[in-house]
């Protein structure tokens, strides 16, 4: 794990993707001066920031956290959607009802 924010790695990664720090500011909802604070290791990244940067920079959250410095949190993985049979049956019921409405409209037009 990096002891400090690895600005050179982040700049190189941005350049390889045709992005700039302004893109990071927009993605994180921060000002450019706040982004400069991050690059100077004067501002911490949150787990949310790490997740956004991972997506933006096509990297894993672990790699972003590692390159961002020792105290950067790694976001927890999102819980998978409920694959229960009940949830599937409820969704199927809604889809079938919508299909019946569409069919009724088509029949009424003929």
PDB file of N, CA and C in Angstrom:
ATOM      1  N   UNK A   1       0.840  -1.179   0.000  1.00  0.00           N
ATOM      2  CA  UNK A   1       0.000   0.000   0.000  1.00  0.00           C
ATOM      3  C   UNK A   1       0.881   1.237   0.000  1.00  0.00           C
ATOM      4  N   UNK A   2       0.479   2.193  -0.828  1.00  0.00           N
ATOM      5  CA  UNK A   2       1.219   3.448  -0.913  1.00  0.00           C
ATOM      6  C   UNK A   2       1.062   4.235   0.383  1.00  0.00           C
ATOM      7  N   UNK A   3       2.129   4.847   0.799  1.00  0.00           N
ATOM      8  CA  UNK A   3       2.089   5.667   2.001  1.00  0.00           C
ATOM      9  C   UNK A   3       1.397   6.999   1.717  1.00  0.00           C
ATOM     10  N   UNK A   4       1.592   7.517   0.502  1.00  0.00           N
ATOM     11  CA  UNK A   4       1.017   8.800   0.103  1.00  0.00           C
ATOM     12  C   UNK A   4       0.266   8.638  -1.215  1.00  0.00           C
ATOM     13  N   UNK A   5      -0.526   9.632  -1.567  1.00  0.00           N
ATOM     14  CA  UNK A   5      -1.258   9.635  -2.821  1.00  0.00           C
ATOM     15  C   UNK A   5      -0.267   9.602  -3.982  1.00  0.00           C
ATOM     16  N   UNK A   6      -0.423   8.644  -4.867  1.00  0.00           N
ATOM     17  CA  UNK A   6       0.489   8.440  -5.994  1.00  0.00           C
ATOM     18  C   UNK A   6       0.010   9.270  -7.193  1.00  0.00           C
ATOM     19  N   UNK A   7       0.295  10.568  -7.137  1.00  0.00           N
ATOM     20  CA  UNK A   7      -0.168  11.497  -8.169  1.00  0.00           C
ATOM     21  C   UNK A   7       0.338  11.112  -9.549  1.00  0.00           C
ATOM     22  N   UNK A   8       1.572  10.645  -9.642  1.00  0.00           N
ATOM     23  CA  UNK A   8       2.131  10.276 -10.948  1.00  0.00           C
ATOM     24  C   UNK A   8       1.340   9.126 -11.568  1.00  0.00           C
ATOM     25  N   UNK A   9       0.967   8.143 -10.762  1.00  0.00           N
ATOM     26  CA  UNK A   9       0.184   7.008 -11.288  1.00  0.00           C
ATOM     27  C   UNK A   9      -1.185   7.482 -11.772  1.00  0.00           C
ATOM     28  N   UNK A  10      -1.847   8.311 -10.967  1.00  0.00           N
ATOM     29  CA  UNK A  10      -3.178   8.811 -11.353  1.00  0.00           C
ATOM     30  C   UNK A  10      -3.097   9.660 -12.625  1.00  0.00           C
ATOM     31  N   UNK A  11      -2.087  10.536 -12.723  1.00  0.00           N
ATOM     32  CA  UNK A  11      -1.935  11.357 -13.929  1.00  0.00           C
ATOM     33  C   UNK A  11      -1.675  10.486 -15.158  1.00  0.00           C
ATOM     34  N   UNK A  12      -0.840   9.481 -15.001  1.00  0.00           N
ATOM     35  CA  UNK A  12      -0.539   8.579 -16.115  1.00  0.00           C
ATOM     36  C   UNK A  12      -1.794   7.807 -16.535  1.00  0.00           C
ATOM     37  N   UNK A  13      -2.559   7.352 -15.548  1.00  0.00           N
ATOM     38  CA  UNK A  13      -3.788   6.604 -15.841  1.00  0.00           C
ATOM     39  C   UNK A  13      -4.802   7.495 -16.568  1.00  0.00           C
ATOM     40  N   UNK A  14      -4.953   8.720 -16.082  1.00  0.00           N
ATOM     41  CA  UNK A  14      -5.858   9.667 -16.741  1.00  0.00           C
ATOM     42  C   UNK A  14      -5.431   9.898 -18.188  1.00  0.00           C
ATOM     43  N   UNK A  15      -4.152  10.152 -18.391  1.00  0.00           N
ATOM     44  CA  UNK A  15      -3.645  10.424 -19.737  1.00  0.00           C
ATOM     45  C   UNK A  15      -3.867   9.233 -20.666  1.00  0.00           C
ATOM     46  N   UNK A  16      -3.670   8.028 -20.146  1.00  0.00           N
ATOM     47  CA  UNK A  16      -3.839   6.841 -20.992  1.00  0.00           C
ATOM     48  C   UNK A  16      -5.289   6.659 -21.439  1.00  0.00           C
ATOM     49  N   UNK A  17      -6.213   7.237 -20.691  1.00  0.00           N
ATOM     50  CA  UNK A  17      -7.635   7.141 -21.019  1.00  0.00           C
ATOM     51  C   UNK A  17      -8.161   8.403 -21.700  1.00  0.00           C
ATOM     52  N   UNK A  18      -7.258   9.354 -21.952  1.00  0.00           N
ATOM     53  CA  UNK A  18      -7.666  10.610 -22.587  1.00  0.00           C
ATOM     54  C   UNK A  18      -8.473  11.501 -21.669  1.00  0.00           C
ATOM     55  N   UNK A  19      -8.241  11.385 -20.359  1.00  0.00           N
ATOM     56  CA  UNK A  19      -8.964  12.174 -19.371  1.00  0.00           C
ATOM     57  C   UNK A  19      -8.030  13.169 -18.700  1.00  0.00           C
ATOM     58  N   UNK A  20      -8.613  14.117 -17.982  1.00  0.00           N
ATOM     59  CA  UNK A  20      -7.846  15.122 -17.241  1.00  0.00           C
ATOM     60  C   UNK A  20      -8.404  15.223 -15.822  1.00  0.00           C
ATOM     61  N   UNK A  21      -7.723  15.965 -14.997  1.00  0.00           N
ATOM     62  CA  UNK A  21      -8.173  16.112 -13.599  1.00  0.00           C
ATOM     63  C   UNK A  21      -9.560  16.751 -13.510  1.00  0.00           C
ATOM     64  N   UNK A  22      -9.888  17.591 -14.466  1.00  0.00           N
ATOM     65  CA  UNK A  22     -11.218  18.200 -14.479  1.00  0.00           C
ATOM     66  C   UNK A  22     -12.291  17.120 -14.577  1.00  0.00           C
ATOM     67  N   UNK A  23     -12.010  16.069 -15.333  1.00  0.00           N
ATOM     68  CA  UNK A  23     -12.939  14.948 -15.441  1.00  0.00           C
ATOM     69  C   UNK A  23     -13.160  14.314 -14.074  1.00  0.00           C
ATOM     70  N   UNK A  24     -12.100  14.183 -13.310  1.00  0.00           N
ATOM     71  CA  UNK A  24     -12.192  13.622 -11.962  1.00  0.00           C
ATOM     72  C   UNK A  24     -13.040  14.539 -11.087  1.00  0.00           C
ATOM     73  N   UNK A  25     -12.814  15.835 -11.190  1.00  0.00           N
ATOM     74  CA  UNK A  25     -13.589  16.797 -10.396  1.00  0.00           C
ATOM     75  C   UNK A  25     -15.072  16.662 -10.686  1.00  0.00           C
ATOM     76  N   UNK A  26     -15.419  16.571 -11.957  1.00  0.00           N
ATOM     77  CA  UNK A  26     -16.831  16.440 -12.339  1.00  0.00           C
ATOM     78  C   UNK A  26     -17.396  15.117 -11.812  1.00  0.00           C
ATOM     79  N   UNK A  27     -16.654  14.033 -12.001  1.00  0.00           N
ATOM     80  CA  UNK A  27     -17.129  12.714 -11.564  1.00  0.00           C
ATOM     81  C   UNK A  27     -17.345  12.660 -10.053  1.00  0.00           C
ATOM     82  N   UNK A  28     -16.468  13.296  -9.302  1.00  0.00           N
ATOM     83  CA  UNK A  28     -16.566  13.265  -7.837  1.00  0.00           C
ATOM     84  C   UNK A  28     -17.433  14.393  -7.277  1.00  0.00           C
ATOM     85  N   UNK A  29     -17.818  15.345  -8.125  1.00  0.00           N
ATOM     86  CA  UNK A  29     -18.613  16.468  -7.650  1.00  0.00           C
ATOM     87  C   UNK A  29     -17.805  17.411  -6.777  1.00  0.00           C
ATOM     88  N   UNK A  30     -16.531  17.557  -7.110  1.00  0.00           N
ATOM     89  CA  UNK A  30     -15.637  18.420  -6.342  1.00  0.00           C
ATOM     90  C   UNK A  30     -15.117  19.539  -7.229  1.00  0.00           C
ATOM     91  N   UNK A  31     -14.585  20.571  -6.591  1.00  0.00           N
ATOM     92  CA  UNK A  31     -13.964  21.659  -7.350  1.00  0.00           C
ATOM     93  C   UNK A  31     -12.552  21.231  -7.759  1.00  0.00           C
ATOM     94  N   UNK A  32     -12.001  21.959  -8.709  1.00  0.00           N
ATOM     95  CA  UNK A  32     -10.636  21.640  -9.133  1.00  0.00           C
ATOM     96  C   UNK A  32      -9.640  21.875  -8.000  1.00  0.00           C
ATOM     97  N   UNK A  33      -9.912  22.854  -7.140  1.00  0.00           N
ATOM     98  CA  UNK A  33      -8.992  23.073  -6.013  1.00  0.00           C
ATOM     99  C   UNK A  33      -9.057  21.909  -5.028  1.00  0.00           C
ATOM    100  N   UNK A  34     -10.246  21.316  -4.868  1.00  0.00           N
ATOM    101  CA  UNK A  34     -10.365  20.137  -3.998  1.00  0.00           C
ATOM    102  C   UNK A  34      -9.638  18.940  -4.611  1.00  0.00           C
ATOM    103  N   UNK A  35      -9.690  18.818  -5.936  1.00  0.00           N
ATOM    104  CA  UNK A  35      -8.948  17.753  -6.614  1.00  0.00           C
ATOM    105  C   UNK A  35      -7.453  17.968  -6.428  1.00  0.00           C
ATOM    106  N   UNK A  36      -7.010  19.213  -6.525  1.00  0.00           N
ATOM    107  CA  UNK A  36      -5.589  19.510  -6.299  1.00  0.00           C
ATOM    108  C   UNK A  36      -5.173  19.137  -4.886  1.00  0.00           C
ATOM    109  N   UNK A  37      -6.052  19.318  -3.917  1.00  0.00           N
ATOM    110  CA  UNK A  37      -5.749  18.908  -2.541  1.00  0.00           C
ATOM    111  C   UNK A  37      -5.567  17.394  -2.452  1.00  0.00           C
ATOM    112  N   UNK A  38      -6.392  16.653  -3.174  1.00  0.00           N
ATOM    113  CA  UNK A  38      -6.250  15.193  -3.195  1.00  0.00           C
ATOM    114  C   UNK A  38      -4.893  14.838  -3.791  1.00  0.00           C
ATOM    115  N   UNK A  39      -4.543  15.452  -4.921  1.00  0.00           N
ATOM    116  CA  UNK A  39      -3.282  15.145  -5.601  1.00  0.00           C
ATOM    117  C   UNK A  39      -2.077  15.512  -4.732  1.00  0.00           C
ATOM    118  N   UNK A  40      -2.235  16.507  -3.861  1.00  0.00           N
ATOM    119  CA  UNK A  40      -1.141  16.907  -2.966  1.00  0.00           C
ATOM    120  C   UNK A  40      -1.174  16.131  -1.650  1.00  0.00           C
ATOM    121  N   UNK A  41      -2.099  15.161  -1.566  1.00  0.00           N
ATOM    122  CA  UNK A  41      -2.258  14.338  -0.363  1.00  0.00           C
ATOM    123  C   UNK A  41      -2.683  15.184   0.840  1.00  0.00           C
ATOM    124  N   UNK A  42      -3.499  16.210   0.573  1.00  0.00           N
ATOM    125  CA  UNK A  42      -4.012  17.062   1.631  1.00  0.00           C
ATOM    126  C   UNK A  42      -5.497  16.837   1.874  1.00  0.00           C
ATOM    127  N   UNK A  43      -6.085  15.931   1.114  1.00  0.00           N
ATOM    128  CA  UNK A  43      -7.507  15.621   1.238  1.00  0.00           C
ATOM    129  C   UNK A  43      -7.675  14.129   1.031  1.00  0.00           C
ATOM    130  N   UNK A  44      -8.480  13.505   1.883  1.00  0.00           N
ATOM    131  CA  UNK A  44      -8.712  12.060   1.816  1.00  0.00           C
ATOM    132  C   UNK A  44      -9.811  11.725   0.817  1.00  0.00           C
ATOM    133  N   UNK A  45      -9.728  10.553   0.249  1.00  0.00           N
ATOM    134  CA  UNK A  45     -10.804  10.024  -0.581  1.00  0.00           C
ATOM    135  C   UNK A  45     -11.737   9.206   0.300  1.00  0.00           C
ATOM    136  N   UNK A  46     -13.026   9.288   0.029  1.00  0.00           N
ATOM    137  CA  UNK A  46     -13.999   8.456   0.735  1.00  0.00           C
ATOM    138  C   UNK A  46     -14.151   7.143  -0.028  1.00  0.00           C
ATOM    139  N   UNK A  47     -14.834   6.192   0.573  1.00  0.00           N
ATOM    140  CA  UNK A  47     -15.115   4.924  -0.109  1.00  0.00           C
ATOM    141  C   UNK A  47     -15.916   5.187  -1.382  1.00  0.00           C
ATOM    142  N   UNK A  48     -16.834   6.147  -1.340  1.00  0.00           N
ATOM    143  CA  UNK A  48     -17.617   6.526  -2.525  1.00  0.00           C
ATOM    144  C   UNK A  48     -16.705   7.051  -3.619  1.00  0.00           C
ATOM    145  N   UNK A  49     -15.756   7.913  -3.255  1.00  0.00           N
ATOM    146  CA  UNK A  49     -14.799   8.458  -4.220  1.00  0.00           C
ATOM    147  C   UNK A  49     -13.992   7.339  -4.871  1.00  0.00           C
ATOM    148  N   UNK A  50     -13.569   6.389  -4.058  1.00  0.00           N
ATOM    149  CA  UNK A  50     -12.775   5.260  -4.558  1.00  0.00           C
ATOM    150  C   UNK A  50     -13.583   4.466  -5.585  1.00  0.00           C
ATOM    151  N   UNK A  51     -14.842   4.214  -5.275  1.00  0.00           N
ATOM    152  CA  UNK A  51     -15.697   3.455  -6.201  1.00  0.00           C
ATOM    153  C   UNK A  51     -15.866   4.207  -7.520  1.00  0.00           C
ATOM    154  N   UNK A  52     -16.081   5.503  -7.457  1.00  0.00           N
ATOM    155  CA  UNK A  52     -16.253   6.309  -8.667  1.00  0.00           C
ATOM    156  C   UNK A  52     -14.961   6.330  -9.482  1.00  0.00           C
ATOM    157  N   UNK A  53     -13.834   6.530  -8.806  1.00  0.00           N
ATOM    158  CA  UNK A  53     -12.554   6.553  -9.511  1.00  0.00           C
ATOM    159  C   UNK A  53     -12.233   5.198 -10.135  1.00  0.00           C
ATOM    160  N   UNK A  54     -12.569   4.129  -9.458  1.00  0.00           N
ATOM    161  CA  UNK A  54     -12.323   2.797 -10.015  1.00  0.00           C
ATOM    162  C   UNK A  54     -13.075   2.627 -11.322  1.00  0.00           C
ATOM    163  N   UNK A  55     -14.320   3.065 -11.331  1.00  0.00           N
ATOM    164  CA  UNK A  55     -15.125   2.979 -12.546  1.00  0.00           C
ATOM    165  C   UNK A  55     -14.566   3.906 -13.633  1.00  0.00           C
ATOM    166  N   UNK A  56     -14.242   5.110 -13.273  1.00  0.00           N
ATOM    167  CA  UNK A  56     -13.732   6.097 -14.223  1.00  0.00           C
ATOM    168  C   UNK A  56     -12.393   5.674 -14.826  1.00  0.00           C
ATOM    169  N   UNK A  57     -11.518   5.135 -13.989  1.00  0.00           N
ATOM    170  CA  UNK A  57     -10.159   4.805 -14.425  1.00  0.00           C
ATOM    171  C   UNK A  57      -9.989   3.344 -14.831  1.00  0.00           C
ATOM    172  N   UNK A  58     -11.091   2.614 -14.893  1.00  0.00           N
ATOM    173  CA  UNK A  58     -11.060   1.209 -15.284  1.00  0.00           C
ATOM    174  C   UNK A  58     -10.032   0.427 -14.459  1.00  0.00           C
ATOM    175  N   UNK A  59     -10.187   0.567 -13.149  1.00  0.00           N
ATOM    176  CA  UNK A  59      -9.303  -0.104 -12.201  1.00  0.00           C
ATOM    177  C   UNK A  59     -10.169  -0.704 -11.093  1.00  0.00           C
ATOM    178  N   UNK A  60      -9.580  -1.544 -10.277  1.00  0.00           N
ATOM    179  CA  UNK A  60     -10.331  -2.096  -9.152  1.00  0.00           C
ATOM    180  C   UNK A  60     -10.345  -1.078  -8.013  1.00  0.00           C
ATOM    181  N   UNK A  61     -11.369  -1.125  -7.166  1.00  0.00           N
ATOM    182  CA  UNK A  61     -11.370  -0.241  -5.999  1.00  0.00           C
ATOM    183  C   UNK A  61     -10.133  -0.465  -5.123  1.00  0.00           C
ATOM    184  N   UNK A  62      -9.680  -1.709  -5.048  1.00  0.00           N
ATOM    185  CA  UNK A  62      -8.490  -2.005  -4.237  1.00  0.00           C
ATOM    186  C   UNK A  62      -7.255  -1.290  -4.789  1.00  0.00           C
ATOM    187  N   UNK A  63      -7.117  -1.278  -6.114  1.00  0.00           N
ATOM    188  CA  UNK A  63      -5.965  -0.604  -6.713  1.00  0.00           C
ATOM    189  C   UNK A  63      -6.033   0.906  -6.483  1.00  0.00           C
ATOM    190  N   UNK A  64      -7.223   1.475  -6.635  1.00  0.00           N
ATOM    191  CA  UNK A  64      -7.383   2.915  -6.389  1.00  0.00           C
ATOM    192  C   UNK A  64      -7.041   3.239  -4.936  1.00  0.00           C
ATOM    193  N   UNK A  65      -7.588   2.456  -4.001  1.00  0.00           N
ATOM    194  CA  UNK A  65      -7.318   2.701  -2.577  1.00  0.00           C
ATOM    195  C   UNK A  65      -5.837   2.557  -2.274  1.00  0.00           C
ATOM    196  N   UNK A  66      -5.207   1.554  -2.869  1.00  0.00           N
ATOM    197  CA  UNK A  66      -3.775   1.343  -2.631  1.00  0.00           C
ATOM    198  C   UNK A  66      -2.952   2.526  -3.140  1.00  0.00           C
ATOM    199  N   UNK A  67      -3.295   3.037  -4.316  1.00  0.00           N
ATOM    200  CA  UNK A  67      -2.552   4.154  -4.903  1.00  0.00           C
ATOM    201  C   UNK A  67      -2.877   5.486  -4.235  1.00  0.00           C
ATOM    202  N   UNK A  68      -4.000   5.546  -3.506  1.00  0.00           N
ATOM    203  CA  UNK A  68      -4.428   6.805  -2.891  1.00  0.00           C
ATOM    204  C   UNK A  68      -3.829   7.032  -1.512  1.00  0.00           C
ATOM    205  N   UNK A  69      -3.220   6.037  -0.920  1.00  0.00           N
ATOM    206  CA  UNK A  69      -2.582   6.229   0.375  1.00  0.00           C
ATOM    207  C   UNK A  69      -3.127   5.316   1.451  1.00  0.00           C
ATOM    208  N   UNK A  70      -2.452   5.276   2.577  1.00  0.00           N
ATOM    209  CA  UNK A  70      -2.712   4.278   3.608  1.00  0.00           C
ATOM    210  C   UNK A  70      -4.088   4.346   4.256  1.00  0.00           C
ATOM    211  N   UNK A  71      -4.684   5.501   4.376  1.00  0.00           N
ATOM    212  CA  UNK A  71      -5.949   5.584   5.106  1.00  0.00           C
ATOM    213  C   UNK A  71      -7.179   5.574   4.206  1.00  0.00           C
ATOM    214  N   UNK A  72      -6.995   5.300   2.924  1.00  0.00           N
ATOM    215  CA  UNK A  72      -8.114   5.327   1.985  1.00  0.00           C
ATOM    216  C   UNK A  72      -8.952   4.063   2.129  1.00  0.00           C
ATOM    217  N   UNK A  73     -10.265   4.213   2.353  1.00  0.00           N
ATOM    218  CA  UNK A  73     -11.120   3.028   2.517  1.00  0.00           C
ATOM    219  C   UNK A  73     -11.469   2.387   1.175  1.00  0.00           C
ATOM    220  N   UNK A  74     -11.589   1.071   1.194  1.00  0.00           N
ATOM    221  CA  UNK A  74     -12.051   0.336   0.021  1.00  0.00           C
ATOM    222  C   UNK A  74     -13.551   0.155   0.183  1.00  0.00           C
ATOM    223  N   UNK A  75     -14.334   0.508  -0.840  1.00  0.00           N
ATOM    224  CA  UNK A  75     -15.787   0.348  -0.705  1.00  0.00           C
ATOM    225  C   UNK A  75     -16.168  -1.121  -0.612  1.00  0.00           C
ATOM    226  N   UNK A  76     -17.216  -1.388   0.148  1.00  0.00           N
ATOM    227  CA  UNK A  76     -17.730  -2.746   0.247  1.00  0.00           C
ATOM    228  C   UNK A  76     -18.475  -3.075  -1.044  1.00  0.00           C
ATOM    229  N   UNK A  77     -18.415  -4.328  -1.430  1.00  0.00           N
ATOM    230  CA  UNK A  77     -19.126  -4.750  -2.646  1.00  0.00           C
ATOM    231  C   UNK A  77     -20.621  -4.619  -2.420  1.00  0.00           C
ATOM    232  N   UNK A  78     -21.317  -4.232  -3.461  1.00  0.00           N
ATOM    233  CA  UNK A  78     -22.775  -4.108  -3.378  1.00  0.00           C
ATOM    234  C   UNK A  78     -23.395  -5.477  -3.191  1.00  0.00           C
ATOM    235  N   UNK A  79     -24.431  -5.514  -2.404  1.00  0.00           N
ATOM    236  CA  UNK A  79     -25.135  -6.773  -2.197  1.00  0.00           C
ATOM    237  C   UNK A  79     -25.848  -7.166  -3.485  1.00  0.00           C
ATOM    238  N   UNK A  80     -25.813  -8.447  -3.811  1.00  0.00           N
ATOM    239  CA  UNK A  80     -26.504  -8.872  -5.034  1.00  0.00           C
ATOM    240  C   UNK A  80     -28.008  -8.695  -4.892  1.00  0.00           C
ATOM    241  N   UNK A  81     -28.663  -8.552  -6.023  1.00  0.00           N
ATOM    242  CA  UNK A  81     -30.123  -8.426  -6.024  1.00  0.00           C
ATOM    243  C   UNK A  81     -30.744  -9.690  -5.445  1.00  0.00           C
ATOM    244  N   UNK A  82     -31.954  -9.541  -4.902  1.00  0.00           N
ATOM    245  CA  UNK A  82     -32.643 -10.659  -4.282  1.00  0.00           C
ATOM    246  C   UNK A  82     -33.068 -11.669  -5.354  1.00  0.00           C
ATOM    247  N   UNK A  83     -32.416 -12.824  -5.402  1.00  0.00           N
ATOM    248  CA  UNK A  83     -32.768 -13.796  -6.440  1.00  0.00           C
ATOM    249  C   UNK A  83     -33.835 -14.788  -5.973  1.00  0.00           C
ATOM    250  N   UNK A  84     -34.549 -14.438  -4.913  1.00  0.00           N
ATOM    251  CA  UNK A  84     -35.507 -15.391  -4.353  1.00  0.00           C
ATOM    252  C   UNK A  84     -36.628 -15.695  -5.335  1.00  0.00           C
ATOM    253  N   UNK A  85     -37.180 -16.855  -5.196  1.00  0.00           N
ATOM    254  CA  UNK A  85     -38.271 -17.287  -6.055  1.00  0.00           C
ATOM    255  C   UNK A  85     -39.467 -16.348  -5.928  1.00  0.00           C
ATOM    256  N   UNK A  86     -39.733 -15.875  -4.716  1.00  0.00           N
ATOM    257  CA  UNK A  86     -40.860 -14.963  -4.508  1.00  0.00           C
ATOM    258  C   UNK A  86     -40.680 -13.681  -5.322  1.00  0.00           C
ATOM    259  N   UNK A  87     -39.474 -13.101  -5.303  1.00  0.00           N
ATOM    260  CA  UNK A  87     -39.208 -11.875  -6.057  1.00  0.00           C
ATOM    261  C   UNK A  87     -39.373 -12.117  -7.554  1.00  0.00           C
ATOM    262  N   UNK A  88     -38.919 -13.257  -8.029  1.00  0.00           N
ATOM    263  CA  UNK A  88     -39.047 -13.586  -9.450  1.00  0.00           C
ATOM    264  C   UNK A  88     -40.516 -13.764  -9.827  1.00  0.00           C
ATOM    265  N   UNK A  89     -41.270 -14.438  -8.976  1.00  0.00           N
ATOM    266  CA  UNK A  89     -42.702 -14.651  -9.244  1.00  0.00           C
ATOM    267  C   UNK A  89     -43.456 -13.322  -9.265  1.00  0.00           C
ATOM    268  N   UNK A  90     -43.124 -12.426  -8.340  1.00  0.00           N
ATOM    269  CA  UNK A  90     -43.784 -11.117  -8.316  1.00  0.00           C
ATOM    270  C   UNK A  90     -43.481 -10.327  -9.586  1.00  0.00           C
ATOM    271  N   UNK A  91     -42.251 -10.390 -10.018  1.00  0.00           N
ATOM    272  CA  UNK A  91     -41.891  -9.671 -11.245  1.00  0.00           C
ATOM    273  C   UNK A  91     -42.591 -10.294 -12.446  1.00  0.00           C
ATOM    274  N   UNK A  92     -42.646 -11.602 -12.518  1.00  0.00           N
ATOM    275  CA  UNK A  92     -43.328 -12.277 -13.615  1.00  0.00           C
ATOM    276  C   UNK A  92     -44.806 -11.903 -13.657  1.00  0.00           C
ATOM    277  N   UNK A  93     -45.429 -11.791 -12.497  1.00  0.00           N
ATOM    278  CA  UNK A  93     -46.838 -11.393 -12.430  1.00  0.00           C
ATOM    279  C   UNK A  93     -47.025  -9.993 -13.003  1.00  0.00           C
ATOM    280  N   UNK A  94     -46.114  -9.074 -12.672  1.00  0.00           N
ATOM    281  CA  UNK A  94     -46.199  -7.708 -13.213  1.00  0.00           C
ATOM    282  C   UNK A  94     -45.986  -7.702 -14.722  1.00  0.00           C
ATOM    283  N   UNK A  95     -45.048  -8.493 -15.206  1.00  0.00           N
ATOM    284  CA  UNK A  95     -44.778  -8.555 -16.647  1.00  0.00           C
ATOM    285  C   UNK A  95     -45.984  -9.131 -17.381  1.00  0.00           C
ATOM    286  N   UNK A  96     -46.578 -10.177 -16.843  1.00  0.00           N
ATOM    287  CA  UNK A  96     -47.752 -10.784 -17.476  1.00  0.00           C
ATOM    288  C   UNK A  96     -48.925  -9.807 -17.502  1.00  0.00           C
ATOM    289  N   UNK A  97     -49.121  -9.038 -16.444  1.00  0.00           N
ATOM    290  CA  UNK A  97     -50.209  -8.058 -16.408  1.00  0.00           C
ATOM    291  C   UNK A  97     -49.976  -6.974 -17.464  1.00  0.00           C
ATOM    292  N   UNK A  98     -48.747  -6.524 -17.591  1.00  0.00           N
ATOM    293  CA  UNK A  98     -48.430  -5.506 -18.593  1.00  0.00           C
ATOM    294  C   UNK A  98     -48.644  -6.058 -19.999  1.00  0.00           C
ATOM    295  N   UNK A  99     -48.280  -7.292 -20.209  1.00  0.00           N
ATOM    296  CA  UNK A  99     -48.477  -7.922 -21.506  1.00  0.00           C
ATOM    297  C   UNK A  99     -49.962  -8.030 -21.852  1.00  0.00           C
ATOM    298  N   UNK A 100     -50.772  -8.375 -20.877  1.00  0.00           N
ATOM    299  CA  UNK A 100     -52.224  -8.449 -21.104  1.00  0.00           C
ATOM    300  C   UNK A 100     -52.785  -7.087 -21.476  1.00  0.00           C
ATOM    301  N   UNK A 101     -52.301  -6.027 -20.841  1.00  0.00           N
ATOM    302  CA  UNK A 101     -52.757  -4.677 -21.179  1.00  0.00           C
ATOM    303  C   UNK A 101     -52.376  -4.315 -22.614  1.00  0.00           C
ATOM    304  N   UNK A 102     -51.171  -4.671 -23.011  1.00  0.00           N
ATOM    305  CA  UNK A 102     -50.715  -4.393 -24.378  1.00  0.00           C
ATOM    306  C   UNK A 102     -51.566  -5.164 -25.379  1.00  0.00           C
ATOM    307  N   UNK A 103     -51.798  -6.438 -25.095  1.00  0.00           N
ATOM    308  CA  UNK A 103     -52.622  -7.257 -25.991  1.00  0.00           C
ATOM    309  C   UNK A 103     -54.046  -6.703 -26.107  1.00  0.00           C
ATOM    310  N   UNK A 104     -54.610  -6.257 -25.008  1.00  0.00           N
ATOM    311  CA  UNK A 104     -55.960  -5.683 -25.025  1.00  0.00           C
ATOM    312  C   UNK A 104     -56.000  -4.424 -25.893  1.00  0.00           C
ATOM    313  N   UNK A 105     -54.976  -3.593 -25.796  1.00  0.00           N
ATOM    314  CA  UNK A 105     -54.893  -2.386 -26.629  1.00  0.00           C
ATOM    315  C   UNK A 105     -54.790  -2.745 -28.104  1.00  0.00           C
ATOM    316  N   UNK A 106     -54.007  -3.760 -28.419  1.00  0.00           N
ATOM    317  CA  UNK A 106     -53.867  -4.191 -29.812  1.00  0.00           C
ATOM    318  C   UNK A 106     -55.182  -4.752 -30.357  1.00  0.00           C
ATOM    319  N   UNK A 107     -55.860  -5.518 -29.541  1.00  0.00           N
ATOM    320  CA  UNK A 107     -57.160  -6.086 -29.959  1.00  0.00           C
ATOM    321  C   UNK A 107     -58.176  -4.970 -30.203  1.00  0.00           C
ATOM    322  N   UNK A 108     -58.132  -3.944 -29.362  1.00  0.00           N
ATOM    323  CA  UNK A 108     -59.097  -2.835 -29.487  1.00  0.00           C
ATOM    324  C   UNK A 108     -58.838  -2.040 -30.769  1.00  0.00           C
ATOM    325  N   UNK A 109     -57.625  -2.014 -31.261  1.00  0.00           N
ATOM    326  CA  UNK A 109     -57.310  -1.277 -32.485  1.00  0.00           C
ATOM    327  C   UNK A 109     -57.777  -2.018 -33.741  1.00  0.00           C
ATOM    328  N   UNK A 110     -57.967  -3.320 -33.648  1.00  0.00           N
ATOM    329  CA  UNK A 110     -58.375  -4.106 -34.830  1.00  0.00           C
ATOM    330  C   UNK A 110     -59.831  -4.184 -34.967  1.00  0.00           C
TER     331      UNK A 110
END
